[in-house]
C-alpha atoms as a PDB file:
ATOM      1  CA  MET A   1      53.733 -50.264  42.668  1.00  0.00           C
ATOM      2  CA  SER A   2      50.055 -48.418  44.613  1.00  0.00           C
ATOM      3  CA  GLU A   3      47.295 -50.232  43.777  1.00  0.00           C
ATOM      4  CA  VAL A   4      46.471 -46.777  41.470  1.00  0.00           C
ATOM      5  CA  GLY A   5      49.274 -47.291  39.520  1.00  0.00           C
ATOM      6  CA  ALA A   6      48.764 -51.109  38.762  1.00  0.00           C
ATOM      7  CA  THR A   7      45.230 -50.412  37.540  1.00  0.00           C
ATOM      8  CA  VAL A   8      47.062 -47.589  35.359  1.00  0.00           C
ATOM      9  CA  ARG A   9      48.978 -50.253  33.909  1.00  0.00           C
ATOM     10  CA  ARG A  10      46.114 -52.490  33.764  1.00  0.00           C
ATOM     11  CA  MET A  11      44.542 -50.261  31.459  1.00  0.00           C
ATOM     12  CA  ILE A  12      47.393 -49.295  29.192  1.00  0.00           C
ATOM     13  CA  VAL A  13      47.768 -52.424  28.575  1.00  0.00           C
ATOM     14  CA  ASP A  14      44.560 -53.644  28.477  1.00  0.00           C
ATOM     15  CA  HIS A  15      44.559 -50.413  25.240  1.00  0.00           C
ATOM     16  CA  LEU A  16      47.279 -51.773  23.523  1.00  0.00           C
ATOM     17  CA  GLU A  17      45.697 -55.851  23.348  1.00  0.00           C
ATOM     18  CA  ARG A  18      42.315 -54.015  22.378  1.00  0.00           C
ATOM     19  CA  THR A  19      44.064 -51.609  19.524  1.00  0.00           C
ATOM     20  CA  ARG A  20      46.581 -54.632  18.533  1.00  0.00           C
ATOM     21  CA  LEU A  21      43.794 -56.881  17.871  1.00  0.00           C
ATOM     22  CA  ALA A  22      41.501 -54.964  16.088  1.00  0.00           C
ATOM     23  CA  TYR A  23      44.182 -53.904  13.822  1.00  0.00           C
ATOM     24  CA  ASP A  24      45.150 -57.786  13.900  1.00  0.00           C
ATOM     25  CA  THR A  25      41.636 -58.236  13.109  1.00  0.00           C
ATOM     26  CA  VAL A  26      41.906 -55.575   9.831  1.00  0.00           C
ATOM     27  CA  ALA A  27      45.470 -56.432   8.733  1.00  0.00           C
ATOM     28  CA  VAL A  28      45.211 -58.525   5.883  1.00  0.00           C
ATOM     29  CA  ASP A  29      41.992 -56.241   3.532  1.00  0.00           C
ATOM     30  CA  TYR A  30      43.022 -52.667   5.503  1.00  0.00           C
ATOM     31  CA  ALA A  31      46.689 -53.772   2.886  1.00  0.00           C
ATOM     32  CA  ARG A  32      44.250 -54.634  -0.219  1.00  0.00           C
ATOM     33  CA  MET A  33      41.942 -51.739   0.023  1.00  0.00           C
ATOM     34  CA  LEU A  34      44.547 -48.437   1.286  1.00  0.00           C
ATOM     35  CA  ALA A  35      47.779 -49.183  -1.199  1.00  0.00           C
ATOM     36  CA  GLY A  36      50.623 -47.943  -0.797  1.00  0.00           C
ATOM     37  CA  GLY A  37      52.296 -44.938  -2.978  1.00  0.00           C
ATOM     38  CA  LEU A  38      52.817 -41.110  -2.129  1.00  0.00           C
ATOM     39  CA  PRO A  39      49.653 -40.032  -1.428  1.00  0.00           C
ATOM     40  CA  SER A  40      47.503 -37.854  -4.124  1.00  0.00           C
ATOM     41  CA  ASP A  41      46.483 -34.668  -2.541  1.00  0.00           C
ATOM     42  CA  PRO A  42      49.222 -32.479  -2.535  1.00  0.00           C
ATOM     43  CA  THR A  43      48.961 -31.138   0.804  1.00  0.00           C
ATOM     44  CA  ASP A  44      50.349 -34.364   2.534  1.00  0.00           C
ATOM     45  CA  ARG A  45      52.676 -35.224  -0.427  1.00  0.00           C
ATOM     46  CA  LEU A  46      54.240 -31.932   0.386  1.00  0.00           C
ATOM     47  CA  VAL A  47      53.927 -33.126   3.921  1.00  0.00           C
ATOM     48  CA  LEU A  48      56.430 -36.054   3.426  1.00  0.00           C
ATOM     49  CA  THR A  49      58.485 -34.534   0.427  1.00  0.00           C
ATOM     50  CA  ARG A  50      59.233 -31.522   2.842  1.00  0.00           C
ATOM     51  CA  PHE A  51      60.196 -34.376   5.952  1.00  0.00           C
ATOM     52  CA  ALA A  52      62.032 -36.267   3.674  1.00  0.00           C
ATOM     53  CA  ALA A  53      64.532 -32.835   2.535  1.00  0.00           C
ATOM     54  CA  GLY A  54      68.170 -32.765   3.126  1.00  0.00           C
ATOM     55  CA  LEU A  55      67.508 -35.157   6.061  1.00  0.00           C
ATOM     56  CA  ARG A  56      70.450 -37.537   6.543  1.00  0.00           C
ATOM     57  CA  GLY A  57      70.791 -40.998   8.645  1.00  0.00           C
ATOM     58  CA  PRO A  58      68.169 -43.363   9.870  1.00  0.00           C
ATOM     59  CA  VAL A  59      64.139 -42.873   9.678  1.00  0.00           C
ATOM     60  CA  VAL A  60      62.228 -45.000  11.564  1.00  0.00           C
ATOM     61  CA  GLU A  61      58.023 -44.713  10.933  1.00  0.00           C
ATOM     62  CA  VAL A  62      56.339 -45.998  14.314  1.00  0.00           C
ATOM     63  CA  GLY A  63      52.596 -47.521  13.436  1.00  0.00           C
ATOM     64  CA  CYS A  64      53.876 -48.307  10.190  1.00  0.00           C
ATOM     65  CA  GLY A  65      50.776 -51.024   9.694  1.00  0.00           C
ATOM     66  CA  PRO A  66      51.019 -52.468   6.374  1.00  0.00           C
ATOM     67  CA  GLY A  67      54.497 -49.727   4.803  1.00  0.00           C
ATOM     68  CA  ARG A  68      51.724 -47.253   3.539  1.00  0.00           C
ATOM     69  CA  MET A  69      53.673 -44.551   3.990  1.00  0.00           C
ATOM     70  CA  THR A  70      57.484 -46.373   4.916  1.00  0.00           C
ATOM     71  CA  GLY A  71      57.641 -47.468   0.954  1.00  0.00           C
ATOM     72  CA  PRO A  72      56.802 -44.558  -0.332  1.00  0.00           C
ATOM     73  CA  LEU A  73      59.683 -42.572   2.479  1.00  0.00           C
ATOM     74  CA  ALA A  74      62.081 -45.214   0.942  1.00  0.00           C
ATOM     75  CA  ASP A  75      61.484 -44.248  -2.286  1.00  0.00           C
ATOM     76  CA  LEU A  76      61.975 -40.409  -1.611  1.00  0.00           C
ATOM     77  CA  GLY A  77      65.632 -41.719  -0.693  1.00  0.00           C
ATOM     78  CA  LEU A  78      65.376 -42.253   3.398  1.00  0.00           C
ATOM     79  CA  ALA A  79      66.984 -44.905   4.924  1.00  0.00           C
ATOM     80  CA  VAL A  80      63.359 -45.982   7.155  1.00  0.00           C
ATOM     81  CA  ARG A  81      61.911 -48.959   8.731  1.00  0.00           C
ATOM     82  CA  GLY A  82      59.149 -49.701  10.346  1.00  0.00           C
ATOM     83  CA  ILE A  83      57.424 -50.363  13.670  1.00  0.00           C
ATOM     84  CA  ASP A  84      53.551 -51.552  14.397  1.00  0.00           C
ATOM     85  CA  LEU A  85      51.632 -52.658  17.468  1.00  0.00           C
ATOM     86  CA  SER A  86      50.275 -55.416  15.119  1.00  0.00           C
ATOM     87  CA  PRO A  87      51.792 -58.446  14.217  1.00  0.00           C
ATOM     88  CA  ALA A  88      49.404 -59.181  11.008  1.00  0.00           C
ATOM     89  CA  MET A  89      50.282 -55.414  10.360  1.00  0.00           C
ATOM     90  CA  VAL A  90      54.016 -56.171  10.162  1.00  0.00           C
ATOM     91  CA  ALA A  91      53.403 -59.311   8.331  1.00  0.00           C
ATOM     92  CA  GLN A  92      51.634 -57.985   5.836  1.00  0.00           C
ATOM     93  CA  ALA A  93      54.256 -54.675   5.161  1.00  0.00           C
ATOM     94  CA  ARG A  94      57.502 -57.778   5.128  1.00  0.00           C
ATOM     95  CA  GLN A  95      55.234 -59.285   2.072  1.00  0.00           C
ATOM     96  CA  ARG A  96      55.100 -55.595   0.410  1.00  0.00           C
ATOM     97  CA  HIS A  97      58.240 -54.140   0.902  1.00  0.00           C
ATOM     98  CA  PRO A  98      60.691 -57.198   1.702  1.00  0.00           C
ATOM     99  CA  GLY A  99      63.998 -55.228   1.342  1.00  0.00           C
ATOM    100  CA  LEU A 100      62.485 -52.920   4.136  1.00  0.00           C
ATOM    101  CA  ASP A 101      62.829 -53.932   8.237  1.00  0.00           C
ATOM    102  CA  PHE A 102      59.945 -54.051   9.727  1.00  0.00           C
ATOM    103  CA  GLN A 103      59.388 -54.672  13.421  1.00  0.00           C
ATOM    104  CA  VAL A 104      56.999 -55.292  16.189  1.00  0.00           C
ATOM    105  CA  GLY A 105      56.558 -52.471  18.953  1.00  0.00           C
ATOM    106  CA  THR A 106      54.936 -50.009  20.419  1.00  0.00           C
ATOM    107  CA  MET A 107      55.469 -46.340  20.338  1.00  0.00           C
ATOM    108  CA  THR A 108      55.661 -45.618  24.310  1.00  0.00           C
ATOM    109  CA  ALA A 109      58.488 -48.075  25.100  1.00  0.00           C
ATOM    110  CA  LEU A 110      60.671 -48.261  21.751  1.00  0.00           C
ATOM    111  CA  ASP A 111      63.222 -50.966  21.442  1.00  0.00           C
ATOM    112  CA  LEU A 112      65.754 -48.234  20.295  1.00  0.00           C
ATOM    113  CA  PRO A 113      69.428 -46.640  21.573  1.00  0.00           C
ATOM    114  CA  ASP A 114      69.007 -43.192  22.883  1.00  0.00           C
ATOM    115  CA  ASP A 115      70.029 -40.744  20.000  1.00  0.00           C
ATOM    116  CA  GLY A 116      69.229 -43.138  17.415  1.00  0.00           C
ATOM    117  CA  VAL A 117      67.587 -41.858  14.353  1.00  0.00           C
ATOM    118  CA  ALA A 118      67.495 -38.607  12.303  1.00  0.00           C
ATOM    119  CA  GLY A 119      63.819 -38.581  11.462  1.00  0.00           C
ATOM    120  CA  LEU A 120      60.832 -40.021  12.985  1.00  0.00           C
ATOM    121  CA  VAL A 121      57.406 -39.843  10.781  1.00  0.00           C
ATOM    122  CA  ALA A 122      54.140 -40.599  13.322  1.00  0.00           C
ATOM    123  CA  TRP A 123      51.652 -41.055   9.814  1.00  0.00           C
ATOM    124  CA  TYR A 124      48.184 -41.306  11.979  1.00  0.00           C
ATOM    125  CA  SER A 125      49.158 -42.962  14.559  1.00  0.00           C
ATOM    126  CA  ILE A 126      48.926 -41.439  17.463  1.00  0.00           C
ATOM    127  CA  ILE A 127      45.526 -41.207  16.983  1.00  0.00           C
ATOM    128  CA  HIS A 128      45.347 -44.714  19.640  1.00  0.00           C
ATOM    129  CA  LEU A 129      46.755 -43.268  22.314  1.00  0.00           C
ATOM    130  CA  PRO A 130      45.206 -41.665  24.964  1.00  0.00           C
ATOM    131  CA  PRO A 131      45.336 -38.046  25.324  1.00  0.00           C
ATOM    132  CA  ALA A 132      47.012 -38.396  29.027  1.00  0.00           C
ATOM    133  CA  ASP A 133      50.271 -40.932  27.308  1.00  0.00           C
ATOM    134  CA  LEU A 134      50.829 -38.229  24.747  1.00  0.00           C
ATOM    135  CA  PRO A 135      53.691 -37.082  26.812  1.00  0.00           C
ATOM    136  CA  VAL A 136      54.944 -40.369  27.434  1.00  0.00           C
ATOM    137  CA  ALA A 137      55.028 -40.952  23.564  1.00  0.00           C
ATOM    138  CA  PHE A 138      56.277 -37.781  22.545  1.00  0.00           C
ATOM    139  CA  ALA A 139      59.326 -38.111  25.180  1.00  0.00           C
ATOM    140  CA  GLU A 140      60.400 -41.688  23.814  1.00  0.00           C
ATOM    141  CA  PHE A 141      60.154 -40.257  20.383  1.00  0.00           C
ATOM    142  CA  ALA A 142      62.612 -37.232  21.751  1.00  0.00           C
ATOM    143  CA  ARG A 143      64.962 -39.856  23.618  1.00  0.00           C
ATOM    144  CA  VAL A 144      65.702 -41.934  20.576  1.00  0.00           C
ATOM    145  CA  LEU A 145      66.006 -38.987  17.695  1.00  0.00           C
ATOM    146  CA  ALA A 146      69.918 -37.463  17.555  1.00  0.00           C
ATOM    147  CA  PRO A 147      70.538 -33.643  18.296  1.00  0.00           C
ATOM    148  CA  GLY A 148      68.875 -31.780  15.227  1.00  0.00           C
ATOM    149  CA  GLY A 149      66.083 -34.717  14.473  1.00  0.00           C
ATOM    150  CA  ARG A 150      63.209 -34.648  12.863  1.00  0.00           C
ATOM    151  CA  LEU A 151      59.353 -35.218  13.515  1.00  0.00           C
ATOM    152  CA  GLN A 152      56.183 -35.955  11.932  1.00  0.00           C
ATOM    153  CA  LEU A 153      52.967 -35.931  13.033  1.00  0.00           C
ATOM    154  CA  ALA A 154      49.403 -36.214  10.863  1.00  0.00           C
ATOM    155  CA  PHE A 155      46.585 -36.645  12.697  1.00  0.00           C
ATOM    156  CA  GLN A 156      42.689 -36.196  12.769  1.00  0.00           C
ATOM    157  CA  VAL A 157      41.878 -32.663  14.659  1.00  0.00           C
ATOM    158  CA  GLY A 158      38.845 -32.742  17.029  1.00  0.00           C
ATOM    159  CA  ASP A 159      37.744 -32.878  20.538  1.00  0.00           C
ATOM    160  CA  GLY A 160      37.629 -36.481  22.854  1.00  0.00           C
ATOM    161  CA  PRO A 161      37.925 -39.920  21.137  1.00  0.00           C
ATOM    162  CA  VAL A 162      35.426 -41.678  18.711  1.00  0.00           C
ATOM    163  CA  GLU A 163      34.524 -45.987  19.007  1.00  0.00           C
ATOM    164  CA  ILE A 164      35.468 -48.150  16.103  1.00  0.00           C
ATOM    165  CA  GLU A 165      33.176 -50.253  16.009  1.00  0.00           C
ATOM    166  CA  HIS A 166      33.545 -51.398  12.001  1.00  0.00           C
ATOM    167  CA  ALA A 167      36.473 -51.470   9.732  1.00  0.00           C
ATOM    168  CA  TYR A 168      37.401 -52.517   6.193  1.00  0.00           C
ATOM    169  CA  GLY A 169      34.809 -55.294   6.274  1.00  0.00           C
ATOM    170  CA  HIS A 170      34.785 -56.165   9.846  1.00  0.00           C
ATOM    171  CA  ASP A 171      33.628 -55.582  13.395  1.00  0.00           C
ATOM    172  CA  VAL A 172      36.221 -53.941  15.809  1.00  0.00           C
ATOM    173  CA  SER A 173      36.504 -52.532  18.743  1.00  0.00           C
ATOM    174  CA  ALA A 174      38.835 -49.930  19.049  1.00  0.00           C
ATOM    175  CA  THR A 175      39.405 -46.189  20.001  1.00  0.00           C
ATOM    176  CA  ALA A 176      40.033 -43.320  18.236  1.00  0.00           C
ATOM    177  CA  TYR A 177      41.188 -39.870  19.554  1.00  0.00           C
ATOM    178  CA  ARG A 178      40.408 -36.632  17.684  1.00  0.00           C
ATOM    179  CA  LEU A 179      43.532 -34.094  18.876  1.00  0.00           C
ATOM    180  CA  ASP A 180      43.494 -30.655  19.077  1.00  0.00           C
ATOM    181  CA  PRO A 181      46.734 -29.134  17.250  1.00  0.00           C
ATOM    182  CA  ASP A 182      47.713 -26.954  19.837  1.00  0.00           C
ATOM    183  CA  VAL A 183      47.421 -28.785  22.128  1.00  0.00           C
ATOM    184  CA  VAL A 184      49.474 -31.364  20.602  1.00  0.00           C
ATOM    185  CA  ALA A 185      52.194 -28.058  19.960  1.00  0.00           C
ATOM    186  CA  GLY A 186      51.829 -27.690  23.663  1.00  0.00           C
ATOM    187  CA  LEU A 187      52.880 -31.037  24.333  1.00  0.00           C
ATOM    188  CA  LEU A 188      55.437 -31.151  22.016  1.00  0.00           C
ATOM    189  CA  ARG A 189      57.431 -28.321  23.151  1.00  0.00           C
ATOM    190  CA  ALA A 190      57.065 -29.522  26.875  1.00  0.00           C
ATOM    191  CA  ALA A 191      58.708 -32.230  25.415  1.00  0.00           C
ATOM    192  CA  GLY A 192      61.802 -30.650  24.153  1.00  0.00           C
ATOM    193  CA  PHE A 193      60.659 -29.977  20.490  1.00  0.00           C
ATOM    194  CA  THR A 194      60.208 -26.804  18.434  1.00  0.00           C
ATOM    195  CA  VAL A 195      57.131 -26.755  16.046  1.00  0.00           C
ATOM    196  CA  LEU A 196      58.387 -26.045  12.693  1.00  0.00           C
ATOM    197  CA  VAL A 197      56.024 -26.495  10.507  1.00  0.00           C
ATOM    198  CA  ARG A 198      52.088 -26.725  11.069  1.00  0.00           C
ATOM    199  CA  GLN A 199      49.489 -26.807   8.994  1.00  0.00           C
ATOM    200  CA  GLN A 200      46.234 -27.989   8.551  1.00  0.00           C
ATOM    201  CA  ARG A 201      43.445 -28.681   5.567  1.00  0.00           C
ATOM    202  CA  GLY A 202      40.009 -29.987   5.517  1.00  0.00           C
ATOM    203  CA  ARG A 203      38.064 -32.979   4.400  1.00  0.00           C
ATOM    204  CA  LEU A 204      38.806 -34.904   1.133  1.00  0.00           C
ATOM    205  CA  GLY A 205      36.573 -38.301   0.502  1.00  0.00           C
ATOM    206  CA  LEU A 206      35.428 -40.180   3.548  1.00  0.00           C
ATOM    207  CA  GLU A 207      37.407 -38.001   5.908  1.00  0.00           C
ATOM    208  CA  THR A 208      34.804 -37.059   8.105  1.00  0.00           C
ATOM    209  CA  THR A 209      37.409 -34.143  10.254  1.00  0.00           C
ATOM    210  CA  PRO A 210      39.520 -31.295   8.824  1.00  0.00           C
ATOM    211  CA  GLN A 211      43.757 -33.016   8.964  1.00  0.00           C
ATOM    212  CA  ALA A 212      46.707 -31.432  10.741  1.00  0.00           C
ATOM    213  CA  PHE A 213      50.381 -31.854  10.161  1.00  0.00           C
ATOM    214  CA  LEU A 214      53.412 -30.631  13.036  1.00  0.00           C
ATOM    215  CA  LEU A 215      56.771 -31.078  11.602  1.00  0.00           C
ATOM    216  CA  ALA A 216      58.605 -30.517  14.453  1.00  0.00           C
ATOM    217  CA  GLY A 217      62.683 -30.463  15.340  1.00  0.00           C
ATOM    218  CA  LEU A 218      64.811 -31.048  18.544  1.00  0.00           C
ATOM    219  CA  PRO A 219      67.762 -28.972  19.071  1.00  0.00           C
ATOM    220  CA  ALA A 220      71.790 -28.979  17.371  1.00  0.00           C
ATOM    221  CA  ALA A 221      72.835 -29.594  20.700  1.00  0.00           C
ATOM    222  CA  ARG A 222      71.153 -31.628  23.912  1.00  0.00           C
ATOM    223  CA  PRO A 223      70.739 -28.732  26.751  1.00  0.00           C
ATOM    224  CA  PRO A 224      73.483 -29.510  29.522  1.00  0.00           C
ATOM    225  CA  PRO A 225      71.670 -30.812  33.045  1.00  0.00           C
ATOM    226  CA  SER A 226      70.786 -28.492  34.799  1.00  0.00           C
ATOM    227  CA  ARG A 227      72.896 -28.387  38.103  1.00  0.00           C
ATOM    228  CA  PRO A 228      71.517 -27.145  41.825  1.00  0.00           C
ATOM    229  CA  ALA A 229      72.387 -23.950  42.494  1.00  0.00           C
ATOM    230  CA  GLU A 230      75.810 -23.265  44.899  1.00  0.00           C
ATOM    231  CA  PRO A 231      75.016 -22.715  48.660  1.00  0.00           C
ATOM    232  CA  GLY A 232      75.493 -19.405  50.386  1.00  0.00           C
END
């Protein structure tokens, strides 16, 4: 590996460890303060129920935290499991939803087989990826989703990073990235997705930014691999 490549790798690992530590620190109070259940806002509820409608097959929520959305997705009839970077968050999820499967993992290197799930939800979890890592995550999402699979994203709208130094009663050090829906939609298309539904709503309660929701899908059949042109 080149010196530049090694430096980039160290930066990615350092970012993951910083994010993991922040969520391990707040896990208990986060889970206590943000109880599960379908969101009360009609737009947010519609997003999840529309994603679940008619979906058949296994579903995974990446960045599931304490299962705040995993539980409601199961209540909507989905065979869903959760994956999170933080072991402490996974422990909270297992405690609060003992009938569901939760594992530690990272969305840029999912421990899932190719074409293994029918649906994937990333509910306010891509916000902790540096924008340069989003294509890696979206390629992973496309890899693990079966042909015709669905992807639901939710994220805060904006431009640039926000440093988080205090959260849920704890001092932490983490970075959240506000994202441009046009940029995210373009990255999804580059990863092979079609953006099916795009919504945006204004701030509610303690929120400081508008919120975006993108539902995307893969083609029902994988495109054939490209072949080099025949000579002559």
